[in-house]
Amino acid sequence: MIKLSEIDPMLLKVLQEANIPLNLDELIAENMEEFNEMYVKPYKMK
């Protein structure tokens, strides 16, 4: 799981200043499955 603390603080500041809503939990939940399919499974098969 990605934690806010692991995100580059400067990037976080830029995103906040740009008023991009940061609903990371939702974003991560939506993308975890796709991420697993694309990166984790192929990596485990090597």
N, C-alpha and C. Protein backbone atom coordinates (compact mmCIF):
# COMPACT_ATOMS: atom_id res chain seq x y z
N MET A 1 0.84 -1.20 0.00
CA MET A 1 0.00 0.00 0.00
C MET A 1 0.88 1.25 0.00
N ILE A 2 0.51 2.21 -0.77
CA ILE A 2 1.25 3.47 -0.80
C ILE A 2 0.75 4.36 0.33
N LYS A 3 1.68 4.89 1.08
CA LYS A 3 1.31 5.83 2.14
C LYS A 3 1.65 7.24 1.66
N LEU A 4 0.92 8.21 2.19
CA LEU A 4 1.19 9.61 1.82
C LEU A 4 2.64 9.97 2.08
N SER A 5 3.20 9.41 3.16
CA SER A 5 4.58 9.73 3.54
C SER A 5 5.59 9.23 2.51
N GLU A 6 5.18 8.25 1.68
CA GLU A 6 6.10 7.70 0.69
C GLU A 6 6.08 8.51 -0.61
N ILE A 7 5.12 9.39 -0.75
CA ILE A 7 5.02 10.22 -1.94
C ILE A 7 5.94 11.43 -1.78
N ASP A 8 6.63 11.76 -2.82
CA ASP A 8 7.54 12.91 -2.82
C ASP A 8 6.82 14.15 -2.28
N PRO A 9 7.33 14.74 -1.21
CA PRO A 9 6.66 15.90 -0.60
C PRO A 9 6.44 17.07 -1.56
N MET A 10 7.40 17.28 -2.45
CA MET A 10 7.25 18.37 -3.43
C MET A 10 6.10 18.08 -4.39
N LEU A 11 6.01 16.83 -4.83
CA LEU A 11 4.93 16.43 -5.72
C LEU A 11 3.59 16.60 -5.02
N LEU A 12 3.54 16.19 -3.76
CA LEU A 12 2.32 16.32 -2.97
C LEU A 12 1.90 17.79 -2.87
N LYS A 13 2.88 18.66 -2.63
CA LYS A 13 2.63 20.10 -2.51
C LYS A 13 2.08 20.65 -3.83
N VAL A 14 2.68 20.24 -4.94
CA VAL A 14 2.23 20.68 -6.26
C VAL A 14 0.80 20.22 -6.52
N LEU A 15 0.52 18.96 -6.20
CA LEU A 15 -0.83 18.43 -6.40
C LEU A 15 -1.85 19.19 -5.56
N GLN A 16 -1.48 19.47 -4.31
CA GLN A 16 -2.39 20.19 -3.42
C GLN A 16 -2.61 21.62 -3.91
N GLU A 17 -1.54 22.26 -4.37
CA GLU A 17 -1.66 23.63 -4.88
C GLU A 17 -2.49 23.68 -6.16
N ALA A 18 -2.45 22.60 -6.93
CA ALA A 18 -3.23 22.53 -8.16
C ALA A 18 -4.68 22.12 -7.86
N ASN A 19 -4.98 21.94 -6.57
CA ASN A 19 -6.33 21.56 -6.14
C ASN A 19 -6.80 20.25 -6.76
N ILE A 20 -5.86 19.33 -6.95
CA ILE A 20 -6.22 18.00 -7.42
C ILE A 20 -6.66 17.21 -6.19
N PRO A 21 -7.88 16.72 -6.19
CA PRO A 21 -8.34 15.98 -5.01
C PRO A 21 -7.51 14.71 -4.83
N LEU A 22 -7.01 14.54 -3.63
CA LEU A 22 -6.18 13.37 -3.36
C LEU A 22 -6.97 12.34 -2.56
N ASN A 23 -7.68 11.49 -3.28
CA ASN A 23 -8.33 10.39 -2.59
C ASN A 23 -7.51 9.16 -2.93
N LEU A 24 -6.37 9.05 -2.29
CA LEU A 24 -5.41 8.01 -2.64
C LEU A 24 -5.93 6.61 -2.38
N ASP A 25 -6.64 6.42 -1.27
CA ASP A 25 -7.15 5.08 -0.97
C ASP A 25 -8.03 4.58 -2.10
N GLU A 26 -8.91 5.45 -2.59
CA GLU A 26 -9.82 5.09 -3.67
C GLU A 26 -9.03 4.83 -4.95
N LEU A 27 -8.09 5.74 -5.22
CA LEU A 27 -7.26 5.64 -6.41
C LEU A 27 -6.46 4.34 -6.41
N ILE A 28 -5.87 4.03 -5.25
CA ILE A 28 -5.06 2.83 -5.12
C ILE A 28 -5.93 1.59 -5.26
N ALA A 29 -7.08 1.59 -4.61
CA ALA A 29 -7.98 0.44 -4.68
C ALA A 29 -8.37 0.15 -6.13
N GLU A 30 -8.63 1.22 -6.89
CA GLU A 30 -9.02 1.07 -8.29
C GLU A 30 -7.87 0.53 -9.14
N ASN A 31 -6.66 0.91 -8.79
CA ASN A 31 -5.52 0.58 -9.63
C ASN A 31 -4.72 -0.65 -9.19
N MET A 32 -4.96 -1.12 -7.97
CA MET A 32 -4.19 -2.26 -7.45
C MET A 32 -4.35 -3.50 -8.32
N GLU A 33 -5.59 -3.77 -8.72
CA GLU A 33 -5.86 -4.96 -9.50
C GLU A 33 -5.11 -4.91 -10.84
N GLU A 34 -5.21 -3.77 -11.50
CA GLU A 34 -4.54 -3.55 -12.78
C GLU A 34 -3.02 -3.64 -12.59
N PHE A 35 -2.55 -3.03 -11.52
CA PHE A 35 -1.13 -3.05 -11.21
C PHE A 35 -0.64 -4.49 -11.00
N ASN A 36 -1.41 -5.26 -10.24
CA ASN A 36 -1.05 -6.65 -9.99
C ASN A 36 -0.99 -7.44 -11.29
N GLU A 37 -1.98 -7.25 -12.15
CA GLU A 37 -2.02 -7.95 -13.44
C GLU A 37 -0.80 -7.61 -14.29
N MET A 38 -0.44 -6.33 -14.32
CA MET A 38 0.61 -5.87 -15.22
C MET A 38 2.03 -6.11 -14.71
N TYR A 39 2.22 -5.94 -13.39
CA TYR A 39 3.58 -5.95 -12.87
C TYR A 39 3.89 -7.09 -11.91
N VAL A 40 2.98 -7.35 -10.99
CA VAL A 40 3.28 -8.31 -9.94
C VAL A 40 3.27 -9.74 -10.47
N LYS A 41 2.22 -10.12 -11.19
CA LYS A 41 2.13 -11.48 -11.70
C LYS A 41 3.28 -11.82 -12.66
N PRO A 42 3.54 -10.97 -13.66
CA PRO A 42 4.66 -11.29 -14.56
C PRO A 42 5.99 -11.39 -13.82
N TYR A 43 6.17 -10.55 -12.81
CA TYR A 43 7.40 -10.56 -12.03
C TYR A 43 7.54 -11.87 -11.26
N LYS A 44 6.45 -12.35 -10.69
CA LYS A 44 6.47 -13.60 -9.93
C LYS A 44 6.77 -14.80 -10.83
N MET A 45 6.39 -14.70 -12.10
CA MET A 45 6.58 -15.81 -13.03
C MET A 45 8.02 -15.97 -13.48
N LYS A 46 8.80 -14.89 -13.39
CA LYS A 46 10.19 -14.93 -13.87
C LYS A 46 11.03 -15.93 -13.08
